Amino acid sequence: MLTSFKDAAVLPFRIARAIFLYFNVFSMLYSGKPLVTQKGAIQRHMDPRQLFIYGNLARAQMQQSDDEDARYRVPPSWELIRRPAGGQNEVIARSVLAFDLASDGSVLHSDGASISRLTSDGRSERVLDAERVEQVLFL
């Protein structure tokens, strides 16, 4: 019963937060800027409109494929590029949806249907086959 009173007391705040988040998403979609900035946070932001276009492109390409595994893969034009200081760009993986770097120099990356590990000496090994992999993280 105490929980019900507590829920009733915070309901207006939850509704206000939901309305604010709705307008924040609306602002991000149409202006590319959030309503409130996070000061002190160092972040790279990609244009939300571009992300929306990439998502639609990937979804359309997935629907055209007959192969069950290829439905979840991103196009080969999505490349993971290494740019050494003062050097030329080097493509280290194609069809990359998400990636993470380890402290030993290895790279974990996903094409949406599997997760692979690229060691610091250049060897690639498949770690996991899965559906709809959207994020990867080294622990």
Protein backbone atom coordinates (compact mmCIF):
# COMPACT_ATOMS: atom_id res chain seq x y z
CA MET A 1 0.00 0.00 0.00
CA LEU A 2 2.88 2.34 0.77
CA THR A 3 4.28 1.60 -2.68
CA SER A 4 0.99 2.65 -4.27
CA PHE A 5 1.04 6.01 -2.48
CA LYS A 6 4.66 6.51 -3.47
CA ASP A 7 3.84 5.72 -7.11
CA ALA A 8 0.91 8.14 -7.03
CA ALA A 9 3.11 10.88 -5.53
CA VAL A 10 5.80 10.61 -8.23
CA LEU A 11 3.37 10.17 -11.13
CA PRO A 12 3.32 13.89 -12.11
CA PHE A 13 7.13 13.94 -12.19
CA ARG A 14 7.25 10.84 -14.36
CA ILE A 15 4.73 12.32 -16.78
CA ALA A 16 6.68 15.60 -16.92
CA ARG A 17 9.91 13.67 -17.61
CA ALA A 18 8.25 11.66 -20.39
CA ILE A 19 6.96 14.87 -22.03
CA PHE A 20 10.42 16.46 -21.78
CA LEU A 21 12.09 13.39 -23.31
CA TYR A 22 9.55 13.40 -26.14
CA PHE A 23 10.37 17.01 -26.98
CA ASN A 24 14.10 16.28 -26.62
CA VAL A 25 13.85 13.51 -29.25
CA PHE A 26 11.77 15.79 -31.45
CA SER A 27 14.43 18.50 -31.13
CA MET A 28 17.25 16.04 -31.91
CA LEU A 29 15.49 14.76 -35.04
CA TYR A 30 14.75 18.15 -36.55
CA SER A 31 17.56 20.41 -35.32
CA GLY A 32 20.26 17.91 -34.38
CA LYS A 33 20.62 19.55 -30.96
CA PRO A 34 19.30 18.36 -27.60
CA LEU A 35 17.24 20.67 -25.42
CA VAL A 36 19.79 20.39 -22.60
CA THR A 37 23.53 19.97 -23.10
CA GLN A 38 25.65 17.75 -20.89
CA LYS A 39 28.50 19.97 -19.78
CA GLY A 40 31.78 18.31 -19.00
CA ALA A 41 30.98 15.18 -21.00
CA ILE A 42 33.30 14.60 -23.91
CA GLN A 43 31.21 12.86 -26.52
CA ARG A 44 31.15 12.47 -30.25
CA HIS A 45 27.66 12.94 -31.58
CA MET A 46 26.61 11.75 -34.98
CA ASP A 47 23.85 13.62 -36.71
CA PRO A 48 20.59 11.88 -35.71
CA ARG A 49 19.14 12.41 -39.17
CA GLN A 50 22.14 10.58 -40.67
CA LEU A 51 21.70 7.74 -38.17
CA PHE A 52 18.04 7.52 -39.18
CA ILE A 53 19.02 7.29 -42.86
CA TYR A 54 21.67 4.63 -42.13
CA GLY A 55 19.13 2.60 -40.17
CA ASN A 56 16.59 2.75 -42.99
CA LEU A 57 19.26 1.82 -45.53
CA ALA A 58 20.39 -1.19 -43.51
CA ARG A 59 16.79 -2.31 -42.94
CA ALA A 60 16.02 -2.08 -46.68
CA GLN A 61 19.13 -4.06 -47.61
CA MET A 62 18.34 -6.71 -45.01
CA GLN A 63 14.84 -7.22 -46.44
CA GLN A 64 16.19 -7.74 -49.97
CA SER A 65 18.47 -10.60 -48.96
CA ASP A 66 17.33 -14.23 -49.19
CA ASP A 67 20.08 -15.58 -46.94
CA GLU A 68 18.85 -15.93 -43.33
CA ASP A 69 22.21 -14.90 -41.86
CA ALA A 70 22.65 -11.93 -44.23
CA ARG A 71 19.37 -10.33 -43.08
CA TYR A 72 21.09 -9.04 -39.96
CA ARG A 73 24.31 -7.88 -41.63
CA VAL A 74 25.17 -4.32 -42.53
CA PRO A 75 26.46 -3.36 -46.01
CA PRO A 76 30.16 -3.89 -46.83
CA SER A 77 30.56 -0.14 -47.36
CA TRP A 78 30.41 0.33 -43.56
CA GLU A 79 34.15 0.03 -42.90
CA LEU A 80 36.26 0.20 -39.77
CA ILE A 81 39.29 2.31 -40.63
CA ARG A 82 42.58 2.68 -38.78
CA ARG A 83 44.24 6.06 -39.21
CA PRO A 84 47.80 6.01 -37.81
CA ALA A 85 49.47 9.30 -36.95
CA GLY A 86 50.85 10.72 -40.18
CA GLY A 87 49.90 7.60 -42.15
CA GLN A 88 47.36 6.52 -44.70
CA ASN A 89 43.94 5.19 -43.81
CA GLU A 90 43.78 1.40 -43.60
CA VAL A 91 40.54 -0.61 -43.78
CA ILE A 92 40.76 -3.25 -41.06
CA ALA A 93 37.19 -4.63 -41.33
CA ARG A 94 34.16 -4.30 -43.59
CA SER A 95 30.45 -4.51 -42.71
CA VAL A 96 31.04 -3.07 -39.24
CA LEU A 97 28.00 -2.05 -37.21
CA ALA A 98 29.69 -1.68 -33.81
CA PHE A 99 33.19 -2.02 -32.40
CA ASP A 100 35.24 -1.68 -29.23
CA LEU A 101 38.97 -1.47 -28.58
CA ALA A 102 40.85 -3.48 -25.95
CA SER A 103 43.86 -2.24 -24.01
CA ASP A 104 46.09 -4.81 -25.77
CA GLY A 105 45.28 -3.31 -29.19
CA SER A 106 42.77 -5.91 -30.34
CA VAL A 107 39.43 -4.91 -31.82
CA LEU A 108 36.04 -6.51 -31.21
CA HIS A 109 33.55 -5.78 -33.99
CA SER A 110 30.12 -6.87 -35.15
CA ASP A 111 28.40 -6.96 -38.52
CA GLY A 112 24.98 -7.39 -36.93
CA ALA A 113 24.93 -11.20 -37.22
CA SER A 114 28.23 -12.15 -35.59
CA ILE A 115 31.00 -10.84 -33.36
CA SER A 116 34.63 -11.10 -34.47
CA ARG A 117 37.92 -10.29 -32.80
CA LEU A 118 40.84 -8.80 -34.68
CA THR A 119 44.07 -9.29 -32.72
CA SER A 120 46.84 -6.69 -32.62
CA ASP A 121 48.95 -8.85 -34.98
CA GLY A 122 46.17 -8.84 -37.63
CA ARG A 123 44.56 -12.27 -37.13
CA SER A 124 40.77 -12.37 -37.24
CA GLU A 125 38.62 -14.91 -35.41
CA ARG A 126 34.86 -15.26 -35.10
CA VAL A 127 33.83 -15.15 -31.45
CA LEU A 128 30.06 -15.55 -31.63
CA ASP A 129 27.21 -16.00 -34.10
CA ALA A 130 24.06 -14.22 -32.99
CA GLU A 131 21.07 -12.29 -34.32
CA ARG A 132 20.77 -8.51 -34.28
CA VAL A 133 23.99 -7.61 -32.50
CA GLU A 134 23.89 -3.84 -32.07
CA GLN A 135 26.66 -3.16 -29.54
CA VAL A 136 29.89 -4.82 -28.43
CA LEU A 137 32.01 -4.20 -25.35
CA PHE A 138 35.34 -5.55 -24.12
CA LEU A 139 35.31 -6.29 -20.40
